[in-house]
Full PDB file with SEQRES, HELIX, SHEET, SSBOND, CRYST1, ORIGX, SCALE, CONECT and MASTER records, all heavy atoms in Angstrom:
SEQRES   1 A   36  ARG ARG HIS ALA ARG ILE VAL VAL SER GLY SER GLY ALA          
SEQRES   2 A   36  LEU LEU GLU ASP LEU GLY SER LYS ASN GLY THR PHE PHE          
SEQRES   3 A   36  GLY GLY GLN ARG LEU ALA ALA THR PRO VAL                      
SHEET    1 AA1 2 ALA A   4  SER A   9  0                                        
SHEET    2 AA1 2 GLY A  12  ASP A  17 -1                                        
SHEET    1 AA2 2 PHE A  25  PHE A  26  0                                        
SHEET    2 AA2 2 GLN A  29  ARG A  30 -1                                        
CRYST1    1.000    1.000    1.000  90.00  90.00  90.00 P 1           1          
ORIGX1      1.000000  0.000000  0.000000        0.00000                         
ORIGX2      0.000000  1.000000  0.000000        0.00000                         
ORIGX3      0.000000  0.000000  1.000000        0.00000                         
SCALE1      1.000000  0.000000  0.000000        0.00000                         
SCALE2      0.000000  1.000000  0.000000        0.00000                         
SCALE3      0.000000  0.000000  1.000000        0.00000                         
ATOM      1  N   ARG A   1     -73.995 110.122  77.928  1.00  0.00           N  
ATOM      2  CA  ARG A   1     -74.473 109.998  76.562  1.00  0.00           C  
ATOM      3  C   ARG A   1     -75.353 108.868  76.230  1.00  0.00           C  
ATOM      4  O   ARG A   1     -76.329 109.101  75.541  1.00  0.00           O  
ATOM      5  CB  ARG A   1     -73.166 110.008  75.601  1.00  0.00           C  
ATOM      6  CG  ARG A   1     -72.278 111.112  75.703  1.00  0.00           C  
ATOM      7  CD  ARG A   1     -71.137 111.074  74.689  1.00  0.00           C  
ATOM      8  NE  ARG A   1     -71.519 111.082  73.320  1.00  0.00           N  
ATOM      9  CZ  ARG A   1     -71.876 112.161  72.700  1.00  0.00           C  
ATOM     10  NH1 ARG A   1     -71.739 113.411  73.234  1.00  0.00           N  
ATOM     11  NH2 ARG A   1     -72.203 112.041  71.437  1.00  0.00           N  
ATOM     12  N   ARG A   2     -75.104 107.782  76.694  1.00  0.00           N  
ATOM     13  CA  ARG A   2     -75.982 106.577  76.667  1.00  0.00           C  
ATOM     14  C   ARG A   2     -76.249 106.169  78.126  1.00  0.00           C  
ATOM     15  O   ARG A   2     -75.529 105.243  78.647  1.00  0.00           O  
ATOM     16  CB  ARG A   2     -75.377 105.424  75.844  1.00  0.00           C  
ATOM     17  CG  ARG A   2     -75.343 105.679  74.310  1.00  0.00           C  
ATOM     18  CD  ARG A   2     -74.522 104.590  73.583  1.00  0.00           C  
ATOM     19  NE  ARG A   2     -75.080 103.317  73.765  1.00  0.00           N  
ATOM     20  CZ  ARG A   2     -76.052 102.780  73.052  1.00  0.00           C  
ATOM     21  NH1 ARG A   2     -76.656 103.455  72.018  1.00  0.00           N  
ATOM     22  NH2 ARG A   2     -76.540 101.644  73.281  1.00  0.00           N  
ATOM     23  N   HIS A   3     -77.167 106.714  78.770  1.00  0.00           N  
ATOM     24  CA  HIS A   3     -77.407 106.629  80.132  1.00  0.00           C  
ATOM     25  C   HIS A   3     -78.158 105.370  80.516  1.00  0.00           C  
ATOM     26  O   HIS A   3     -77.729 104.724  81.433  1.00  0.00           O  
ATOM     27  CB  HIS A   3     -78.065 107.897  80.621  1.00  0.00           C  
ATOM     28  CG  HIS A   3     -78.086 108.066  82.215  1.00  0.00           C  
ATOM     29  ND1 HIS A   3     -77.300 108.984  82.729  1.00  0.00           N  
ATOM     30  CD2 HIS A   3     -78.725 107.417  83.129  1.00  0.00           C  
ATOM     31  CE1 HIS A   3     -77.419 108.907  84.037  1.00  0.00           C  
ATOM     32  NE2 HIS A   3     -78.251 107.992  84.309  1.00  0.00           N  
ATOM     33  N   ALA A   4     -79.246 105.202  79.850  1.00  0.00           N  
ATOM     34  CA  ALA A   4     -80.180 104.055  80.164  1.00  0.00           C  
ATOM     35  C   ALA A   4     -80.920 103.617  78.857  1.00  0.00           C  
ATOM     36  O   ALA A   4     -80.760 104.317  77.887  1.00  0.00           O  
ATOM     37  CB  ALA A   4     -81.081 104.500  81.290  1.00  0.00           C  
ATOM     38  N   ARG A   5     -81.664 102.610  79.050  1.00  0.00           N  
ATOM     39  CA  ARG A   5     -82.627 102.249  77.872  1.00  0.00           C  
ATOM     40  C   ARG A   5     -83.934 101.743  78.463  1.00  0.00           C  
ATOM     41  O   ARG A   5     -84.028 101.103  79.527  1.00  0.00           O  
ATOM     42  CB  ARG A   5     -82.011 101.266  76.964  1.00  0.00           C  
ATOM     43  CG  ARG A   5     -81.845  99.814  77.590  1.00  0.00           C  
ATOM     44  CD  ARG A   5     -81.325  98.948  76.554  1.00  0.00           C  
ATOM     45  NE  ARG A   5     -81.110  97.600  76.988  1.00  0.00           N  
ATOM     46  CZ  ARG A   5     -80.838  96.561  76.220  1.00  0.00           C  
ATOM     47  NH1 ARG A   5     -80.785  96.685  74.955  1.00  0.00           N  
ATOM     48  NH2 ARG A   5     -80.554  95.351  76.786  1.00  0.00           N  
ATOM     49  N   ILE A   6     -84.996 101.996  77.796  1.00  0.00           N  
ATOM     50  CA  ILE A   6     -86.294 101.521  78.010  1.00  0.00           C  
ATOM     51  C   ILE A   6     -86.709 100.660  76.886  1.00  0.00           C  
ATOM     52  O   ILE A   6     -86.826 101.167  75.710  1.00  0.00           O  
ATOM     53  CB  ILE A   6     -87.286 102.634  78.280  1.00  0.00           C  
ATOM     54  CG1 ILE A   6     -86.870 103.449  79.449  1.00  0.00           C  
ATOM     55  CG2 ILE A   6     -88.724 102.102  78.534  1.00  0.00           C  
ATOM     56  CD1 ILE A   6     -87.609 104.739  79.687  1.00  0.00           C  
ATOM     57  N   VAL A   7     -86.952  99.355  77.121  1.00  0.00           N  
ATOM     58  CA  VAL A   7     -87.388  98.445  76.025  1.00  0.00           C  
ATOM     59  C   VAL A   7     -88.872  98.248  76.136  1.00  0.00           C  
ATOM     60  O   VAL A   7     -89.358  97.792  77.199  1.00  0.00           O  
ATOM     61  CB  VAL A   7     -86.635  97.092  76.131  1.00  0.00           C  
ATOM     62  CG1 VAL A   7     -87.139  96.123  75.016  1.00  0.00           C  
ATOM     63  CG2 VAL A   7     -85.165  97.301  75.994  1.00  0.00           C  
ATOM     64  N   VAL A   8     -89.648  98.636  75.101  1.00  0.00           N  
ATOM     65  CA  VAL A   8     -91.056  98.622  75.094  1.00  0.00           C  
ATOM     66  C   VAL A   8     -91.482  97.440  74.247  1.00  0.00           C  
ATOM     67  O   VAL A   8     -91.102  97.268  73.123  1.00  0.00           O  
ATOM     68  CB  VAL A   8     -91.637  99.910  74.556  1.00  0.00           C  
ATOM     69  CG1 VAL A   8     -93.142  99.836  74.304  1.00  0.00           C  
ATOM     70  CG2 VAL A   8     -91.328 101.066  75.405  1.00  0.00           C  
ATOM     71  N   SER A   9     -92.391  96.598  74.772  1.00  0.00           N  
ATOM     72  CA  SER A   9     -92.896  95.422  74.023  1.00  0.00           C  
ATOM     73  C   SER A   9     -94.445  95.435  74.261  1.00  0.00           C  
ATOM     74  O   SER A   9     -94.994  96.318  74.968  1.00  0.00           O  
ATOM     75  CB  SER A   9     -92.362  94.060  74.569  1.00  0.00           C  
ATOM     76  OG  SER A   9     -92.740  93.844  75.868  1.00  0.00           O  
ATOM     77  N   GLY A  10     -95.060  94.518  73.658  1.00  0.00           N  
ATOM     78  CA  GLY A  10     -96.566  94.454  73.761  1.00  0.00           C  
ATOM     79  C   GLY A  10     -96.965  94.049  75.199  1.00  0.00           C  
ATOM     80  O   GLY A  10     -98.132  94.331  75.552  1.00  0.00           O  
ATOM     81  N   SER A  11     -96.056  93.565  76.035  1.00  0.00           N  
ATOM     82  CA  SER A  11     -96.406  93.178  77.357  1.00  0.00           C  
ATOM     83  C   SER A  11     -95.950  94.153  78.414  1.00  0.00           C  
ATOM     84  O   SER A  11     -96.122  93.875  79.633  1.00  0.00           O  
ATOM     85  CB  SER A  11     -95.791  91.736  77.637  1.00  0.00           C  
ATOM     86  OG  SER A  11     -94.391  91.628  77.323  1.00  0.00           O  
ATOM     87  N   GLY A  12     -95.304  95.184  78.053  1.00  0.00           N  
ATOM     88  CA  GLY A  12     -94.815  96.079  79.020  1.00  0.00           C  
ATOM     89  C   GLY A  12     -93.572  96.869  78.662  1.00  0.00           C  
ATOM     90  O   GLY A  12     -93.092  96.897  77.511  1.00  0.00           O  
ATOM     91  N   ALA A  13     -92.893  97.540  79.660  1.00  0.00           N  
ATOM     92  CA  ALA A  13     -91.693  98.305  79.371  1.00  0.00           C  
ATOM     93  C   ALA A  13     -90.667  98.053  80.490  1.00  0.00           C  
ATOM     94  O   ALA A  13     -91.052  97.905  81.697  1.00  0.00           O  
ATOM     95  CB  ALA A  13     -92.025  99.787  79.408  1.00  0.00           C  
ATOM     96  N   LEU A  14     -89.480  97.754  80.106  1.00  0.00           N  
ATOM     97  CA  LEU A  14     -88.341  97.449  81.018  1.00  0.00           C  
ATOM     98  C   LEU A  14     -87.312  98.609  80.975  1.00  0.00           C  
ATOM     99  O   LEU A  14     -86.934  98.988  79.923  1.00  0.00           O  
ATOM    100  CB  LEU A  14     -87.750  96.134  80.671  1.00  0.00           C  
ATOM    101  CG  LEU A  14     -88.584  94.862  80.860  1.00  0.00           C  
ATOM    102  CD1 LEU A  14     -87.796  93.656  80.310  1.00  0.00           C  
ATOM    103  CD2 LEU A  14     -88.833  94.677  82.403  1.00  0.00           C  
ATOM    104  N   LEU A  15     -86.856  99.090  82.192  1.00  0.00           N  
ATOM    105  CA  LEU A  15     -85.815 100.089  82.349  1.00  0.00           C  
ATOM    106  C   LEU A  15     -84.557  99.352  82.743  1.00  0.00           C  
ATOM    107  O   LEU A  15     -84.517  98.678  83.701  1.00  0.00           O  
ATOM    108  CB  LEU A  15     -86.276 101.139  83.333  1.00  0.00           C  
ATOM    109  CG  LEU A  15     -85.215 102.144  83.660  1.00  0.00           C  
ATOM    110  CD1 LEU A  15     -84.892 103.079  82.611  1.00  0.00           C  
ATOM    111  CD2 LEU A  15     -85.743 102.959  84.954  1.00  0.00           C  
ATOM    112  N   GLU A  16     -83.374  99.789  82.050  1.00  0.00           N  
ATOM    113  CA  GLU A  16     -82.112  99.211  82.407  1.00  0.00           C  
ATOM    114  C   GLU A  16     -81.045 100.357  82.364  1.00  0.00           C  
ATOM    115  O   GLU A  16     -81.005 101.136  81.351  1.00  0.00           O  
ATOM    116  CB  GLU A  16     -81.738  98.191  81.394  1.00  0.00           C  
ATOM    117  CG  GLU A  16     -80.387  97.497  81.632  1.00  0.00           C  
ATOM    118  CD  GLU A  16     -80.068  96.344  80.634  1.00  0.00           C  
ATOM    119  OE1 GLU A  16     -80.840  96.255  79.634  1.00  0.00           O  
ATOM    120  OE2 GLU A  16     -79.039  95.756  80.828  1.00  0.00           O  
ATOM    121  N   ASP A  17     -80.237 100.424  83.357  1.00  0.00           N  
ATOM    122  CA  ASP A  17     -79.086 101.298  83.388  1.00  0.00           C  
ATOM    123  C   ASP A  17     -77.994 100.781  82.491  1.00  0.00           C  
ATOM    124  O   ASP A  17     -77.778  99.593  82.303  1.00  0.00           O  
ATOM    125  CB  ASP A  17     -78.524 101.554  84.869  1.00  0.00           C  
ATOM    126  CG  ASP A  17     -77.406 102.498  84.762  1.00  0.00           C  
ATOM    127  OD1 ASP A  17     -77.717 103.731  84.594  1.00  0.00           O  
ATOM    128  OD2 ASP A  17     -76.238 102.139  85.025  1.00  0.00           O  
ATOM    129  N   LEU A  18     -77.332 101.651  81.704  1.00  0.00           N  
ATOM    130  CA  LEU A  18     -76.328 101.325  80.761  1.00  0.00           C  
ATOM    131  C   LEU A  18     -74.908 101.723  81.332  1.00  0.00           C  
ATOM    132  O   LEU A  18     -73.972 102.091  80.603  1.00  0.00           O  
ATOM    133  CB  LEU A  18     -76.469 101.961  79.434  1.00  0.00           C  
ATOM    134  CG  LEU A  18     -77.794 101.571  78.732  1.00  0.00           C  
ATOM    135  CD1 LEU A  18     -77.879 102.239  77.323  1.00  0.00           C  
ATOM    136  CD2 LEU A  18     -77.808 100.004  78.484  1.00  0.00           C  
ATOM    137  N   GLY A  19     -74.799 101.427  82.593  1.00  0.00           N  
ATOM    138  CA  GLY A  19     -73.387 101.762  83.231  1.00  0.00           C  
ATOM    139  C   GLY A  19     -73.139 103.252  83.352  1.00  0.00           C  
ATOM    140  O   GLY A  19     -71.937 103.686  83.149  1.00  0.00           O  
ATOM    141  N   SER A  20     -74.172 103.997  83.444  1.00  0.00           N  
ATOM    142  CA  SER A  20     -74.049 105.552  83.565  1.00  0.00           C  
ATOM    143  C   SER A  20     -73.238 105.980  84.765  1.00  0.00           C  
ATOM    144  O   SER A  20     -73.171 105.289  85.837  1.00  0.00           O  
ATOM    145  CB  SER A  20     -75.489 106.087  83.661  1.00  0.00           C  
ATOM    146  OG  SER A  20     -76.027 105.790  84.856  1.00  0.00           O  
ATOM    147  N   LYS A  21     -72.566 107.079  84.651  1.00  0.00           N  
ATOM    148  CA  LYS A  21     -71.750 107.585  85.752  1.00  0.00           C  
ATOM    149  C   LYS A  21     -72.514 107.909  86.949  1.00  0.00           C  
ATOM    150  O   LYS A  21     -72.090 107.607  88.102  1.00  0.00           O  
ATOM    151  CB  LYS A  21     -70.878 108.756  85.254  1.00  0.00           C  
ATOM    152  CG  LYS A  21     -69.976 109.418  86.318  1.00  0.00           C  
ATOM    153  CD  LYS A  21     -69.202 110.591  85.680  1.00  0.00           C  
ATOM    154  CE  LYS A  21     -68.217 111.189  86.747  1.00  0.00           C  
ATOM    155  NZ  LYS A  21     -67.596 112.351  86.206  1.00  0.00           N  
ATOM    156  N   ASN A  22     -73.618 108.673  86.823  1.00  0.00           N  
ATOM    157  CA  ASN A  22     -74.474 109.108  87.896  1.00  0.00           C  
ATOM    158  C   ASN A  22     -75.576 108.319  88.316  1.00  0.00           C  
ATOM    159  O   ASN A  22     -76.369 108.709  89.157  1.00  0.00           O  
ATOM    160  CB  ASN A  22     -74.808 110.600  87.598  1.00  0.00           C  
ATOM    161  CG  ASN A  22     -73.625 111.576  87.573  1.00  0.00           C  
ATOM    162  OD1 ASN A  22     -72.700 111.537  88.353  1.00  0.00           O  
ATOM    163  ND2 ASN A  22     -73.559 112.356  86.482  1.00  0.00           N  
ATOM    164  N   GLY A  23     -75.741 107.270  87.687  1.00  0.00           N  
ATOM    165  CA  GLY A  23     -76.754 106.274  87.989  1.00  0.00           C  
ATOM    166  C   GLY A  23     -78.154 106.620  87.435  1.00  0.00           C  
ATOM    167  O   GLY A  23     -78.570 107.670  87.067  1.00  0.00           O  
ATOM    168  N   THR A  24     -78.950 105.484  87.370  1.00  0.00           N  
ATOM    169  CA  THR A  24     -80.325 105.506  87.001  1.00  0.00           C  
ATOM    170  C   THR A  24     -81.145 105.093  88.280  1.00  0.00           C  
ATOM    171  O   THR A  24     -80.773 104.075  88.886  1.00  0.00           O  
ATOM    172  CB  THR A  24     -80.657 104.681  85.848  1.00  0.00           C  
ATOM    173  OG1 THR A  24     -79.935 105.053  84.684  1.00  0.00           O  
ATOM    174  CG2 THR A  24     -82.155 104.673  85.472  1.00  0.00           C  
ATOM    175  N   PHE A  25     -82.187 105.775  88.625  1.00  0.00           N  
ATOM    176  CA  PHE A  25     -82.969 105.532  89.858  1.00  0.00           C  
ATOM    177  C   PHE A  25     -84.403 105.263  89.583  1.00  0.00           C  
ATOM    178  O   PHE A  25     -85.005 105.877  88.661  1.00  0.00           O  
ATOM    179  CB  PHE A  25     -82.863 106.723  90.832  1.00  0.00           C  
ATOM    180  CG  PHE A  25     -81.384 107.063  91.227  1.00  0.00           C  
ATOM    181  CD1 PHE A  25     -80.605 107.783  90.409  1.00  0.00           C  
ATOM    182  CD2 PHE A  25     -80.965 106.551  92.428  1.00  0.00           C  
ATOM    183  CE1 PHE A  25     -79.257 108.070  90.812  1.00  0.00           C  
ATOM    184  CE2 PHE A  25     -79.684 106.904  92.882  1.00  0.00           C  
ATOM    185  CZ  PHE A  25     -78.868 107.584  92.073  1.00  0.00           C  
ATOM    186  N   PHE A  26     -84.930 104.257  90.347  1.00  0.00           N  
ATOM    187  CA  PHE A  26     -86.265 103.797  90.090  1.00  0.00           C  
ATOM    188  C   PHE A  26     -86.875 103.815  91.589  1.00  0.00           C  
ATOM    189  O   PHE A  26     -86.436 103.159  92.437  1.00  0.00           O  
ATOM    190  CB  PHE A  26     -86.330 102.339  89.577  1.00  0.00           C  
ATOM    191  CG  PHE A  26     -87.687 101.795  89.616  1.00  0.00           C  
ATOM    192  CD1 PHE A  26     -88.598 102.155  88.525  1.00  0.00           C  
ATOM    193  CD2 PHE A  26     -88.155 100.975  90.535  1.00  0.00           C  
ATOM    194  CE1 PHE A  26     -89.896 101.626  88.472  1.00  0.00           C  
ATOM    195  CE2 PHE A  26     -89.489 100.300  90.571  1.00  0.00           C  
ATOM    196  CZ  PHE A  26     -90.298 100.754  89.412  1.00  0.00           C  
ATOM    197  N   GLY A  27     -87.933 104.709  91.737  1.00  0.00           N  
ATOM    198  CA  GLY A  27     -88.497 104.813  93.043  1.00  0.00           C  
ATOM    199  C   GLY A  27     -87.528 105.174  94.151  1.00  0.00           C  
ATOM    200  O   GLY A  27     -87.628 104.789  95.269  1.00  0.00           O  
ATOM    201  N   GLY A  28     -86.438 106.040  93.782  1.00  0.00           N  
ATOM    202  CA  GLY A  28     -85.452 106.444  94.758  1.00  0.00           C  
ATOM    203  C   GLY A  28     -84.317 105.552  95.001  1.00  0.00           C  
ATOM    204  O   GLY A  28     -83.330 105.842  95.625  1.00  0.00           O  
ATOM    205  N   GLN A  29     -84.361 104.333  94.353  1.00  0.00           N  
ATOM    206  CA  GLN A  29     -83.320 103.314  94.531  1.00  0.00           C  
ATOM    207  C   GLN A  29     -82.519 103.248  93.211  1.00  0.00           C  
ATOM    208  O   GLN A  29     -82.994 103.118  92.137  1.00  0.00           O  
ATOM    209  CB  GLN A  29     -83.908 102.005  94.839  1.00  0.00           C  
ATOM    210  CG  GLN A  29     -84.669 101.928  96.115  1.00  0.00           C  
ATOM    211  CD  GLN A  29     -83.836 102.170  97.343  1.00  0.00           C  
ATOM    212  OE1 GLN A  29     -82.751 101.667  97.473  1.00  0.00           O  
ATOM    213  NE2 GLN A  29     -84.315 103.076  98.209  1.00  0.00           N  
ATOM    214  N   ARG A  30     -81.129 103.314  93.356  1.00  0.00           N  
ATOM    215  CA  ARG A  30     -80.274 103.144  92.222  1.00  0.00           C  
ATOM    216  C   ARG A  30     -80.399 101.706  91.719  1.00  0.00           C  
ATOM    217  O   ARG A  30     -80.288 100.748  92.392  1.00  0.00           O  
ATOM    218  CB  ARG A  30     -78.889 103.588  92.655  1.00  0.00           C  
ATOM    219  CG  ARG A  30     -77.906 103.497  91.455  1.00  0.00           C  
ATOM    220  CD  ARG A  30     -76.675 104.212  91.711  1.00  0.00           C  
ATOM    221  NE  ARG A  30     -75.661 104.289  90.602  1.00  0.00           N  
ATOM    222  CZ  ARG A  30     -74.691 105.121  90.545  1.00  0.00           C  
ATOM    223  NH1 ARG A  30     -74.441 105.895  91.468  1.00  0.00           N  
ATOM    224  NH2 ARG A  30     -73.915 105.104  89.440  1.00  0.00           N  
ATOM    225  N   LEU A  31     -80.443 101.668  90.355  1.00  0.00           N  
ATOM    226  CA  LEU A  31     -80.589 100.380  89.698  1.00  0.00           C  
ATOM    227  C   LEU A  31     -79.234  99.689  89.603  1.00  0.00           C  
ATOM    228  O   LEU A  31     -78.185 100.282  89.427  1.00  0.00           O  
ATOM    229  CB  LEU A  31     -81.061 100.580  88.233  1.00  0.00           C  
ATOM    230  CG  LEU A  31     -82.506 101.101  88.032  1.00  0.00           C  
ATOM    231  CD1 LEU A  31     -82.916 101.017  86.562  1.00  0.00           C  
ATOM    232  CD2 LEU A  31     -83.515 100.274  88.858  1.00  0.00           C  
ATOM    233  N   ALA A  32     -79.275  98.423  89.806  1.00  0.00           N  
ATOM    234  CA  ALA A  32     -78.071  97.454  89.557  1.00  0.00           C  
ATOM    235  C   ALA A  32     -78.205  97.095  88.060  1.00  0.00           C  
ATOM    236  O   ALA A  32     -78.630  97.839  87.212  1.00  0.00           O  
ATOM    237  CB  ALA A  32     -78.114  96.334  90.497  1.00  0.00           C  
ATOM    238  N   ALA A  33     -77.699  95.822  87.782  1.00  0.00           N  
ATOM    239  CA  ALA A  33     -77.624  95.411  86.407  1.00  0.00           C  
ATOM    240  C   ALA A  33     -78.997  94.849  85.936  1.00  0.00           C  
ATOM    241  O   ALA A  33     -79.211  94.713  84.674  1.00  0.00           O  
ATOM    242  CB  ALA A  33     -76.580  94.397  86.252  1.00  0.00           C  
ATOM    243  N   THR A  34     -79.939  94.513  86.880  1.00  0.00           N  
ATOM    244  CA  THR A  34     -81.103  93.914  86.494  1.00  0.00           C  
ATOM    245  C   THR A  34     -82.207  94.827  85.971  1.00  0.00           C  
ATOM    246  O   THR A  34     -82.502  95.787  86.696  1.00  0.00           O  
ATOM    247  CB  THR A  34     -81.709  93.086  87.739  1.00  0.00           C  
ATOM    248  OG1 THR A  34     -80.641  92.270  88.184  1.00  0.00           O  
ATOM    249  CG2 THR A  34     -82.962  92.319  87.286  1.00  0.00           C  
ATOM    250  N   PRO A  35     -82.776  94.744  84.801  1.00  0.00           N  
ATOM    251  CA  PRO A  35     -83.782  95.536  84.368  1.00  0.00           C  
ATOM    252  C   PRO A  35     -85.053  95.466  85.289  1.00  0.00           C  
ATOM    253  O   PRO A  35     -85.302  94.455  85.875  1.00  0.00           O  
ATOM    254  CB  PRO A  35     -84.111  95.008  82.933  1.00  0.00           C  
ATOM    255  CG  PRO A  35     -82.884  94.199  82.588  1.00  0.00           C  
ATOM    256  CD  PRO A  35     -82.312  93.665  83.834  1.00  0.00           C  
ATOM    257  N   VAL A  36     -85.744  96.597  85.362  1.00  0.00           N  
ATOM    258  CA  VAL A  36     -86.993  96.539  86.167  1.00  0.00           C  
ATOM    259  C   VAL A  36     -88.122  97.000  85.278  1.00  0.00           C  
ATOM    260  O   VAL A  36     -88.045  97.779  84.416  1.00  0.00           O  
ATOM    261  CB  VAL A  36     -86.851  97.619  87.377  1.00  0.00           C  
ATOM    262  CG1 VAL A  36     -85.727  97.216  88.285  1.00  0.00           C  
ATOM    263  CG2 VAL A  36     -86.599  98.965  86.860  1.00  0.00           C  
TER     264      VAL A  36                                                      
MASTER        0    0    0    0    4    0    0    6  263    1    0    3          
END                                                                             
């Protein structure tokens, strides 16, 4: 229901997983707690 979030600012966009059950993946790698 609340899987991940993308924070958009004037300097870019950051992707963060919100503890999702099936995971959020970036470039084929499952995200840990650190936004990318």
